[in-house]
Amino acid sequence: MATTKAAGTSRLGRDSNPKYLGVKLFEGQSTKIGSIIIRQRGSKVIAGKNVRMGKDNTLYAVKAGKVSFSTTRKKCFDGSQRIAKVVSVE
């Protein structure tokens, strides 16, 4: 058996599949019940009125309406605060 691979093969040819994260419905767009608004890793954007978060932190609408974004101060466990984005459906 050969100790090296045959010519033409690459050791660096592997890559992961794309995860298609990000905002799916932007501000002012209309939404239906169950429509995915944001797909994210971690809770970068938090759920507001008429929006719920799935187990993979996906934000989806529970009521038909228009998407709106805002910001709020969120208190962390160590007492510090951060400004968080909030998505709502009106």
Protein backbone atom coordinates (compact mmCIF):
# COMPACT_ATOMS: atom_id res chain seq x y z
CA MET A 1 0.00 0.00 0.00
CA ALA A 2 1.09 3.55 -0.67
CA THR A 3 2.06 5.73 2.28
CA THR A 4 0.68 8.88 0.60
CA LYS A 5 -2.56 9.51 -1.22
CA ALA A 6 -2.74 9.48 -4.98
CA ALA A 7 -2.14 12.70 -6.90
CA GLY A 8 -5.13 14.96 -7.33
CA THR A 9 -6.70 14.48 -3.91
CA SER A 10 -7.01 17.30 -1.43
CA ARG A 11 -6.89 17.15 2.34
CA LEU A 12 -8.63 20.53 2.74
CA GLY A 13 -11.70 19.90 0.59
CA ARG A 14 -14.20 19.63 3.45
CA ASP A 15 -16.60 22.40 4.43
CA SER A 16 -19.82 22.59 6.43
CA ASN A 17 -23.19 23.22 4.86
CA PRO A 18 -24.63 26.75 5.10
CA LYS A 19 -27.10 27.29 7.95
CA TYR A 20 -29.16 30.12 6.34
CA LEU A 21 -29.33 32.24 9.49
CA GLY A 22 -30.50 35.86 9.66
CA VAL A 23 -33.55 38.07 9.36
CA LYS A 24 -36.24 36.58 7.11
CA LEU A 25 -38.94 39.27 7.49
CA PHE A 26 -37.94 42.92 7.81
CA GLU A 27 -39.73 45.85 9.45
CA GLY A 28 -43.08 46.73 7.89
CA GLN A 29 -43.51 43.39 6.13
CA SER A 30 -46.70 41.45 6.83
CA THR A 31 -46.55 38.09 8.54
CA LYS A 32 -48.82 35.08 8.94
CA ILE A 33 -49.18 32.83 11.97
CA GLY A 34 -46.09 30.63 12.31
CA SER A 35 -43.93 32.65 9.90
CA ILE A 36 -40.24 32.62 10.80
CA ILE A 37 -38.99 36.16 11.40
CA ILE A 38 -35.37 35.56 12.50
CA ARG A 39 -33.17 32.46 12.57
CA GLN A 40 -30.28 32.93 15.01
CA ARG A 41 -27.73 31.23 17.24
CA GLY A 42 -28.23 32.48 20.77
CA SER A 43 -30.73 35.14 21.74
CA LYS A 44 -29.18 38.15 20.00
CA VAL A 45 -32.69 39.44 19.26
CA ILE A 46 -35.36 38.82 21.89
CA ALA A 47 -39.06 38.09 21.36
CA GLY A 48 -41.57 40.89 21.93
CA LYS A 49 -45.34 41.09 21.55
CA ASN A 50 -46.96 38.26 19.52
CA VAL A 51 -43.56 36.61 18.91
CA ARG A 52 -42.27 33.36 20.43
CA MET A 53 -38.85 31.72 20.50
CA GLY A 54 -38.30 28.13 19.35
CA LYS A 55 -35.85 25.67 20.89
CA ASP A 56 -33.11 26.68 18.43
CA ASN A 57 -33.70 30.41 19.24
CA THR A 58 -35.74 30.94 16.06
CA LEU A 59 -38.23 33.79 16.42
CA TYR A 60 -41.66 33.20 14.85
CA ALA A 61 -45.00 34.99 14.78
CA VAL A 62 -48.01 33.76 16.75
CA LYS A 63 -50.37 36.34 15.26
CA ALA A 64 -50.80 37.84 11.79
CA GLY A 65 -49.70 41.45 11.43
CA LYS A 66 -46.74 43.68 10.59
CA VAL A 67 -43.19 43.18 11.88
CA SER A 68 -41.61 45.94 13.97
CA PHE A 69 -38.19 46.25 15.62
CA SER A 70 -37.21 48.26 18.69
CA THR A 71 -34.51 48.35 21.37
CA THR A 72 -34.69 47.92 25.13
CA ARG A 73 -32.33 47.74 28.08
CA LYS A 74 -31.91 44.16 29.31
CA LYS A 75 -30.48 43.45 32.74
CA CYS A 76 -27.87 40.68 32.88
CA PHE A 77 -27.32 38.28 35.79
CA ASP A 78 -24.24 40.15 37.02
CA GLY A 79 -26.23 43.38 37.38
CA SER A 80 -24.90 45.00 34.22
CA GLN A 81 -27.15 46.12 31.39
CA ARG A 82 -27.02 45.73 27.63
CA ILE A 83 -29.11 47.16 24.81
CA ALA A 84 -31.05 44.36 23.13
CA LYS A 85 -33.08 44.35 19.91
CA VAL A 86 -36.72 43.32 20.27
CA VAL A 87 -38.95 42.08 17.44
CA SER A 88 -42.75 42.38 17.71
CA VAL A 89 -45.79 41.76 15.52
CA GLU A 90 -48.55 44.41 15.66
